[in-house]
């Protein structure tokens, strides 16, 4: 148990902060699952970065129509 916690901590500390934060949302049963999840998060982040459409960008140009107009 202590060995697993130490290995997980070493792995997590080597990751980018945004991946570390997101991994805390998921429950992993072993280091392999933790690594797989980190890879998926990294892949998703790269796709979002390439598109240039993060959650902040969505709807930025939308204006709600005023019912009085």
N, C-alpha and C. Protein backbone atom coordinates (compact mmCIF):
# COMPACT_ATOMS: atom_id res chain seq x y z
N UNK A 1 0.83 -1.21 0.00
CA UNK A 1 0.00 0.00 0.00
C UNK A 1 0.86 1.26 0.00
N UNK A 2 1.84 1.31 0.89
CA UNK A 2 2.72 2.48 0.97
C UNK A 2 3.53 2.65 -0.31
N UNK A 3 3.96 1.51 -0.89
CA UNK A 3 4.72 1.58 -2.14
C UNK A 3 3.88 2.17 -3.26
N UNK A 4 2.62 1.78 -3.32
CA UNK A 4 1.72 2.29 -4.37
C UNK A 4 1.53 3.79 -4.21
N UNK A 5 1.30 4.24 -3.01
CA UNK A 5 1.10 5.67 -2.76
C UNK A 5 2.34 6.44 -3.17
N UNK A 6 3.51 5.91 -2.85
CA UNK A 6 4.76 6.58 -3.20
C UNK A 6 4.94 6.63 -4.72
N UNK A 7 4.68 5.52 -5.42
CA UNK A 7 4.80 5.49 -6.88
C UNK A 7 3.81 6.44 -7.54
N UNK A 8 2.58 6.43 -7.07
CA UNK A 8 1.56 7.34 -7.61
C UNK A 8 1.99 8.80 -7.43
N UNK A 9 2.51 9.12 -6.26
CA UNK A 9 2.94 10.49 -5.97
C UNK A 9 4.09 10.91 -6.87
N UNK A 10 5.05 10.02 -7.06
CA UNK A 10 6.18 10.32 -7.94
C UNK A 10 5.69 10.57 -9.36
N UNK A 11 4.78 9.71 -9.83
CA UNK A 11 4.24 9.87 -11.17
C UNK A 11 3.48 11.19 -11.31
N UNK A 12 2.58 11.45 -10.36
CA UNK A 12 1.77 12.67 -10.42
C UNK A 12 2.62 13.94 -10.37
N UNK A 13 3.65 13.94 -9.56
CA UNK A 13 4.50 15.13 -9.44
C UNK A 13 5.27 15.44 -10.72
N UNK A 14 5.42 14.45 -11.59
CA UNK A 14 6.11 14.67 -12.85
C UNK A 14 5.20 15.16 -13.97
N UNK A 15 3.91 15.25 -13.70
CA UNK A 15 2.95 15.66 -14.73
C UNK A 15 2.74 17.17 -14.74
N UNK A 16 2.23 17.66 -15.86
CA UNK A 16 1.84 19.07 -15.95
C UNK A 16 0.74 19.32 -14.92
N UNK A 17 0.71 20.53 -14.40
CA UNK A 17 -0.25 20.85 -13.34
C UNK A 17 -1.70 20.64 -13.77
N UNK A 18 -2.03 21.00 -15.03
CA UNK A 18 -3.42 20.86 -15.47
C UNK A 18 -3.84 19.39 -15.53
N UNK A 19 -2.89 18.50 -15.78
CA UNK A 19 -3.21 17.06 -15.80
C UNK A 19 -3.33 16.54 -14.37
N UNK A 20 -2.44 17.00 -13.49
CA UNK A 20 -2.52 16.59 -12.08
C UNK A 20 -3.88 16.93 -11.50
N UNK A 21 -4.33 18.14 -11.75
CA UNK A 21 -5.60 18.60 -11.19
C UNK A 21 -6.75 17.75 -11.70
N UNK A 22 -6.76 17.47 -13.00
CA UNK A 22 -7.87 16.70 -13.56
C UNK A 22 -7.84 15.24 -13.09
N UNK A 23 -6.66 14.67 -12.91
CA UNK A 23 -6.58 13.29 -12.46
C UNK A 23 -7.18 13.10 -11.07
N UNK A 24 -7.18 14.16 -10.28
CA UNK A 24 -7.77 14.07 -8.94
C UNK A 24 -9.27 13.80 -9.01
N UNK A 25 -9.89 14.08 -10.16
CA UNK A 25 -11.32 13.85 -10.32
C UNK A 25 -11.66 12.37 -10.53
N UNK A 26 -10.66 11.59 -10.90
CA UNK A 26 -10.89 10.19 -11.24
C UNK A 26 -10.31 9.27 -10.18
N UNK A 27 -10.97 8.15 -9.99
CA UNK A 27 -10.46 7.14 -9.07
C UNK A 27 -9.70 6.10 -9.89
N UNK A 28 -8.46 5.87 -9.53
CA UNK A 28 -7.68 4.86 -10.24
C UNK A 28 -7.34 3.72 -9.27
N UNK A 29 -7.31 2.53 -9.83
CA UNK A 29 -7.05 1.35 -8.99
C UNK A 29 -5.59 0.95 -8.99
N UNK A 30 -4.86 1.40 -10.00
CA UNK A 30 -3.43 1.09 -10.03
C UNK A 30 -2.70 2.13 -10.88
N UNK A 31 -1.39 2.03 -10.89
CA UNK A 31 -0.57 3.00 -11.60
C UNK A 31 -0.84 2.96 -13.10
N UNK A 32 -1.12 1.79 -13.64
CA UNK A 32 -1.41 1.66 -15.06
C UNK A 32 -2.64 2.47 -15.44
N UNK A 33 -3.69 2.39 -14.65
CA UNK A 33 -4.91 3.17 -14.91
C UNK A 33 -4.62 4.67 -14.82
N UNK A 34 -3.83 5.04 -13.86
CA UNK A 34 -3.46 6.44 -13.68
C UNK A 34 -2.71 6.95 -14.91
N UNK A 35 -1.79 6.15 -15.41
CA UNK A 35 -1.01 6.51 -16.60
C UNK A 35 -1.90 6.60 -17.83
N UNK A 36 -2.80 5.63 -18.00
CA UNK A 36 -3.72 5.64 -19.14
C UNK A 36 -4.60 6.88 -19.12
N UNK A 37 -5.13 7.21 -17.96
CA UNK A 37 -6.00 8.38 -17.83
C UNK A 37 -5.22 9.66 -18.13
N UNK A 38 -3.98 9.73 -17.66
CA UNK A 38 -3.15 10.91 -17.93
C UNK A 38 -2.90 11.07 -19.43
N UNK A 39 -2.67 9.97 -20.12
CA UNK A 39 -2.47 10.03 -21.57
C UNK A 39 -3.72 10.51 -22.29
N UNK A 40 -4.87 10.03 -21.87
CA UNK A 40 -6.13 10.47 -22.49
C UNK A 40 -6.37 11.96 -22.27
N UNK A 41 -6.08 12.43 -21.08
CA UNK A 41 -6.24 13.85 -20.77
C UNK A 41 -5.29 14.68 -21.64
N UNK A 42 -4.05 14.22 -21.76
CA UNK A 42 -3.06 14.93 -22.58
C UNK A 42 -3.49 14.98 -24.04
N UNK A 43 -3.98 13.86 -24.56
CA UNK A 43 -4.45 13.82 -25.95
C UNK A 43 -5.61 14.79 -26.16
N UNK A 44 -6.56 14.79 -25.24
CA UNK A 44 -7.70 15.70 -25.35
C UNK A 44 -7.25 17.16 -25.31
N UNK A 45 -6.32 17.47 -24.40
CA UNK A 45 -5.83 18.84 -24.29
C UNK A 45 -5.13 19.28 -25.57
N UNK A 46 -4.39 18.38 -26.20
CA UNK A 46 -3.71 18.71 -27.46
C UNK A 46 -4.71 19.00 -28.57
N UNK A 47 -5.77 18.21 -28.64
CA UNK A 47 -6.81 18.43 -29.66
C UNK A 47 -7.47 19.79 -29.43
N UNK A 48 -7.80 20.09 -28.20
CA UNK A 48 -8.43 21.37 -27.87
C UNK A 48 -7.49 22.52 -28.23
N UNK A 49 -6.21 22.36 -27.93
CA UNK A 49 -5.23 23.41 -28.24
C UNK A 49 -5.11 23.62 -29.74
N UNK A 50 -5.10 22.53 -30.51
CA UNK A 50 -5.00 22.64 -31.97
C UNK A 50 -6.21 23.35 -32.55
N UNK A 51 -7.38 23.05 -32.03
CA UNK A 51 -8.62 23.67 -32.51
C UNK A 51 -8.71 25.12 -32.09
N UNK A 52 -8.12 25.41 -30.95
CA UNK A 52 -8.21 26.77 -30.42
C UNK A 52 -9.58 27.07 -29.86
N UNK A 53 -10.31 26.04 -29.49
CA UNK A 53 -11.64 26.26 -28.94
C UNK A 53 -11.74 25.63 -27.57
N UNK A 54 -11.35 26.37 -26.60
CA UNK A 54 -11.52 25.92 -25.23
C UNK A 54 -12.89 26.33 -24.75
N UNK A 55 -13.23 25.99 -23.56
CA UNK A 55 -14.55 26.32 -23.04
C UNK A 55 -14.73 27.83 -22.94
N UNK A 56 -13.64 28.57 -22.77
CA UNK A 56 -13.74 30.03 -22.67
C UNK A 56 -14.13 30.64 -24.01
N UNK A 57 -13.69 30.00 -25.11
CA UNK A 57 -13.94 30.54 -26.44
C UNK A 57 -15.35 30.28 -26.93
N UNK A 58 -15.98 29.26 -26.45
CA UNK A 58 -17.30 28.90 -26.95
C UNK A 58 -18.32 29.95 -26.57
N UNK A 59 -19.07 30.38 -27.56
CA UNK A 59 -20.13 31.33 -27.30
C UNK A 59 -19.67 32.75 -27.08
N UNK A 60 -18.39 33.02 -27.28
CA UNK A 60 -17.88 34.36 -27.04
C UNK A 60 -18.50 35.37 -28.00
N UNK A 61 -18.86 34.93 -29.20
CA UNK A 61 -19.43 35.84 -30.19
C UNK A 61 -20.95 35.81 -30.19
N UNK A 62 -21.53 35.01 -29.34
CA UNK A 62 -22.99 34.92 -29.29
C UNK A 62 -23.55 36.06 -28.46
N UNK A 63 -24.62 36.61 -28.97
CA UNK A 63 -25.38 37.60 -28.20
C UNK A 63 -26.80 37.12 -28.13
N UNK A 64 -27.36 37.20 -26.96
CA UNK A 64 -28.76 36.85 -26.82
C UNK A 64 -29.58 38.00 -27.35
N UNK A 65 -30.56 37.65 -28.12
CA UNK A 65 -31.43 38.66 -28.71
C UNK A 65 -32.36 39.22 -27.64
N UNK A 66 -32.42 40.51 -27.59
CA UNK A 66 -33.31 41.18 -26.65
C UNK A 66 -34.74 41.03 -27.16
N UNK A 67 -35.64 40.49 -26.35
CA UNK A 67 -37.02 40.30 -26.80
C UNK A 67 -37.69 41.60 -27.23
N UNK A 68 -37.18 42.73 -26.75
CA UNK A 68 -37.76 44.02 -27.11
C UNK A 68 -37.28 44.55 -28.45
N UNK A 69 -36.30 43.89 -29.06
CA UNK A 69 -35.77 44.36 -30.35
C UNK A 69 -36.65 43.95 -31.48
